[in-house]
Amino acid sequence: MWRPCGTPEQELGAFFLGRVPALLSHEPLYETAWKDRSQLVTVATGLVTVDLCVVTRFLRGHGVDGGKRGP
């Protein structure tokens, strides 16, 4: 996750007020991506959480023990 860097005033507003700088247009991401995207100055932000669920139904028939472990 990233966001563009702003001016010092914008960065102070982002820190104290939560107003983060944004791109004025989506053009650097889509139309001119290879040329302009490498010139963007960005900072890391945000958090990505991934939940992984695994279905274990009928796995015993394929030689996988899906039972509970422990005492």
N, C-alpha and C. Protein backbone atom coordinates (compact mmCIF):
# COMPACT_ATOMS: atom_id res chain seq x y z
N MET A 1 0.84 -1.16 0.00
CA MET A 1 0.00 0.00 0.00
C MET A 1 0.90 1.24 0.00
N TRP A 2 0.50 2.23 -0.78
CA TRP A 2 1.30 3.44 -0.87
C TRP A 2 0.39 4.63 -1.11
N ARG A 3 0.98 5.80 -0.92
CA ARG A 3 0.31 7.05 -1.25
C ARG A 3 1.39 8.01 -1.73
N PRO A 4 1.01 9.01 -2.52
CA PRO A 4 2.02 9.96 -2.99
C PRO A 4 2.49 10.87 -1.85
N CYS A 5 3.75 11.28 -1.93
CA CYS A 5 4.29 12.25 -0.98
C CYS A 5 3.77 13.63 -1.36
N GLY A 6 3.54 14.44 -0.36
CA GLY A 6 3.08 15.80 -0.62
C GLY A 6 4.12 16.81 -0.22
N THR A 7 3.71 18.07 -0.24
CA THR A 7 4.57 19.15 0.21
C THR A 7 4.71 19.04 1.73
N PRO A 8 5.67 19.74 2.32
CA PRO A 8 5.78 19.69 3.79
C PRO A 8 4.48 20.09 4.50
N GLU A 9 3.77 21.06 3.96
CA GLU A 9 2.49 21.46 4.57
C GLU A 9 1.47 20.33 4.49
N GLN A 10 1.41 19.66 3.34
CA GLN A 10 0.48 18.53 3.18
C GLN A 10 0.85 17.38 4.10
N GLU A 11 2.14 17.13 4.28
CA GLU A 11 2.57 16.05 5.15
C GLU A 11 2.24 16.35 6.61
N LEU A 12 2.35 17.62 7.03
CA LEU A 12 1.95 18.00 8.39
C LEU A 12 0.45 17.80 8.58
N GLY A 13 -0.33 18.18 7.57
CA GLY A 13 -1.78 17.95 7.62
C GLY A 13 -2.12 16.48 7.66
N ALA A 14 -1.35 15.68 6.97
CA ALA A 14 -1.58 14.23 6.98
C ALA A 14 -1.28 13.66 8.35
N PHE A 15 -0.22 14.14 8.99
CA PHE A 15 0.18 13.62 10.30
C PHE A 15 -0.81 14.02 11.38
N PHE A 16 -1.19 15.29 11.41
CA PHE A 16 -2.03 15.78 12.50
C PHE A 16 -3.53 15.65 12.24
N LEU A 17 -3.95 15.80 10.98
CA LEU A 17 -5.38 15.84 10.68
C LEU A 17 -5.87 14.63 9.89
N GLY A 18 -4.96 13.83 9.36
CA GLY A 18 -5.38 12.66 8.60
C GLY A 18 -5.73 12.95 7.16
N ARG A 19 -5.49 14.17 6.70
CA ARG A 19 -5.76 14.51 5.30
C ARG A 19 -4.54 14.19 4.46
N VAL A 20 -4.56 13.07 3.78
CA VAL A 20 -3.39 12.63 3.03
C VAL A 20 -3.44 13.16 1.60
N PRO A 21 -2.27 13.46 1.02
CA PRO A 21 -2.22 13.90 -0.37
C PRO A 21 -2.70 12.78 -1.30
N ALA A 22 -3.30 13.17 -2.41
CA ALA A 22 -3.80 12.21 -3.40
C ALA A 22 -3.34 12.64 -4.79
N LEU A 23 -3.37 11.71 -5.71
CA LEU A 23 -3.06 12.03 -7.10
C LEU A 23 -4.16 12.91 -7.68
N LEU A 24 -3.79 13.86 -8.53
CA LEU A 24 -4.78 14.73 -9.15
C LEU A 24 -5.55 14.00 -10.24
N SER A 25 -4.91 13.02 -10.86
CA SER A 25 -5.58 12.21 -11.88
C SER A 25 -5.03 10.79 -11.80
N HIS A 26 -5.76 9.87 -12.39
CA HIS A 26 -5.32 8.47 -12.40
C HIS A 26 -4.45 8.16 -13.62
N GLU A 27 -4.14 9.16 -14.41
CA GLU A 27 -3.36 8.96 -15.62
C GLU A 27 -2.01 8.30 -15.38
N PRO A 28 -1.24 8.70 -14.35
CA PRO A 28 0.06 8.02 -14.14
C PRO A 28 -0.07 6.54 -13.83
N LEU A 29 -1.23 6.11 -13.38
CA LEU A 29 -1.42 4.70 -13.06
C LEU A 29 -1.86 3.88 -14.26
N TYR A 30 -2.55 4.48 -15.20
CA TYR A 30 -3.13 3.71 -16.30
C TYR A 30 -2.54 4.07 -17.66
N GLU A 31 -2.71 5.30 -18.12
CA GLU A 31 -2.32 5.66 -19.48
C GLU A 31 -0.80 5.74 -19.67
N THR A 32 -0.14 6.46 -18.78
CA THR A 32 1.31 6.67 -18.93
C THR A 32 2.08 5.95 -17.83
N ALA A 33 1.65 4.76 -17.52
CA ALA A 33 2.16 4.04 -16.35
C ALA A 33 3.67 3.84 -16.38
N TRP A 34 4.22 3.34 -17.47
CA TRP A 34 5.65 3.00 -17.47
C TRP A 34 6.53 4.23 -17.44
N LYS A 35 6.06 5.32 -18.04
CA LYS A 35 6.89 6.53 -18.08
C LYS A 35 6.78 7.34 -16.78
N ASP A 36 5.56 7.57 -16.30
CA ASP A 36 5.34 8.47 -15.17
C ASP A 36 5.38 7.80 -13.81
N ARG A 37 5.04 6.53 -13.73
CA ARG A 37 4.96 5.87 -12.43
C ARG A 37 6.33 5.81 -11.75
N SER A 38 7.38 5.68 -12.52
CA SER A 38 8.71 5.61 -11.92
C SER A 38 9.15 6.96 -11.37
N GLN A 39 8.46 8.04 -11.74
CA GLN A 39 8.81 9.36 -11.25
C GLN A 39 8.00 9.77 -10.03
N LEU A 40 7.02 8.95 -9.63
CA LEU A 40 6.22 9.27 -8.45
C LEU A 40 7.05 9.07 -7.19
N VAL A 41 6.93 10.00 -6.26
CA VAL A 41 7.57 9.86 -4.96
C VAL A 41 6.48 9.45 -3.99
N THR A 42 6.65 8.28 -3.37
CA THR A 42 5.59 7.72 -2.54
C THR A 42 6.11 7.34 -1.16
N VAL A 43 5.18 7.11 -0.25
CA VAL A 43 5.51 6.60 1.08
C VAL A 43 4.61 5.40 1.35
N ALA A 44 5.11 4.48 2.15
CA ALA A 44 4.33 3.31 2.52
C ALA A 44 3.22 3.71 3.48
N THR A 45 2.06 3.10 3.32
CA THR A 45 0.93 3.39 4.19
C THR A 45 -0.04 2.22 4.16
N GLY A 46 -0.88 2.12 5.15
CA GLY A 46 -1.93 1.10 5.15
C GLY A 46 -1.47 -0.24 5.66
N LEU A 47 -2.41 -1.15 5.65
CA LEU A 47 -2.19 -2.49 6.16
C LEU A 47 -3.06 -3.44 5.35
N VAL A 48 -2.49 -4.55 4.96
CA VAL A 48 -3.24 -5.57 4.23
C VAL A 48 -3.35 -6.78 5.13
N THR A 49 -4.57 -7.25 5.35
CA THR A 49 -4.82 -8.44 6.16
C THR A 49 -5.41 -9.51 5.26
N VAL A 50 -4.87 -10.71 5.33
CA VAL A 50 -5.35 -11.82 4.51
C VAL A 50 -5.85 -12.91 5.43
N ASP A 51 -7.09 -13.34 5.23
CA ASP A 51 -7.65 -14.49 5.94
C ASP A 51 -7.71 -15.65 4.97
N LEU A 52 -7.18 -16.78 5.37
CA LEU A 52 -7.15 -17.95 4.52
C LEU A 52 -7.98 -19.05 5.17
N CYS A 53 -8.98 -19.52 4.46
CA CYS A 53 -9.84 -20.60 4.95
C CYS A 53 -9.63 -21.82 4.06
N VAL A 54 -9.44 -22.97 4.68
CA VAL A 54 -9.20 -24.20 3.94
C VAL A 54 -10.32 -25.18 4.25
N VAL A 55 -10.95 -25.68 3.19
CA VAL A 55 -12.01 -26.67 3.35
C VAL A 55 -11.37 -28.04 3.33
N THR A 56 -11.64 -28.83 4.39
CA THR A 56 -11.00 -30.15 4.49
C THR A 56 -12.00 -31.29 4.29
N ARG A 57 -13.14 -31.01 3.71
CA ARG A 57 -14.15 -32.04 3.51
C ARG A 57 -13.69 -33.04 2.45
N PHE A 58 -13.90 -34.29 2.68
CA PHE A 58 -13.60 -35.41 1.77
C PHE A 58 -12.11 -35.60 1.51
N LEU A 59 -11.22 -35.05 2.34
CA LEU A 59 -9.80 -35.24 2.12
C LEU A 59 -9.31 -36.60 2.59
N ARG A 60 -10.02 -37.24 3.52
CA ARG A 60 -9.61 -38.59 3.96
C ARG A 60 -9.63 -39.58 2.81
N GLY A 61 -10.54 -39.41 1.90
CA GLY A 61 -10.61 -40.30 0.73
C GLY A 61 -9.42 -40.15 -0.20
N HIS A 62 -8.68 -39.06 -0.07
CA HIS A 62 -7.49 -38.81 -0.88
C HIS A 62 -6.20 -39.02 -0.09
N GLY A 63 -6.32 -39.61 1.11
CA GLY A 63 -5.15 -39.91 1.89
C GLY A 63 -4.67 -38.78 2.77
N VAL A 64 -5.50 -37.76 2.98
CA VAL A 64 -5.15 -36.65 3.85
C VAL A 64 -6.01 -36.72 5.09
N ASP A 65 -5.38 -36.72 6.27
CA ASP A 65 -6.11 -36.80 7.52
C ASP A 65 -6.59 -35.41 7.89
N GLY A 66 -7.89 -35.18 7.86
CA GLY A 66 -8.44 -33.88 8.19
C GLY A 66 -9.05 -33.84 9.57
N GLY A 67 -8.79 -34.87 10.38
CA GLY A 67 -9.37 -34.95 11.71
C GLY A 67 -8.69 -34.03 12.70
N LYS A 68 -9.28 -33.91 13.87
CA LYS A 68 -8.72 -33.08 14.93
C LYS A 68 -7.49 -33.77 15.51
N ARG A 69 -6.54 -32.97 15.91
CA ARG A 69 -5.32 -33.50 16.53
C ARG A 69 -5.33 -33.16 18.01
N GLY A 70 -4.62 -33.92 18.78
CA GLY A 70 -4.53 -33.65 20.20
C GLY A 70 -5.06 -34.79 21.02
N PRO A 71 -5.17 -34.58 22.34
CA PRO A 71 -5.55 -35.68 23.23
C PRO A 71 -7.00 -36.07 23.08
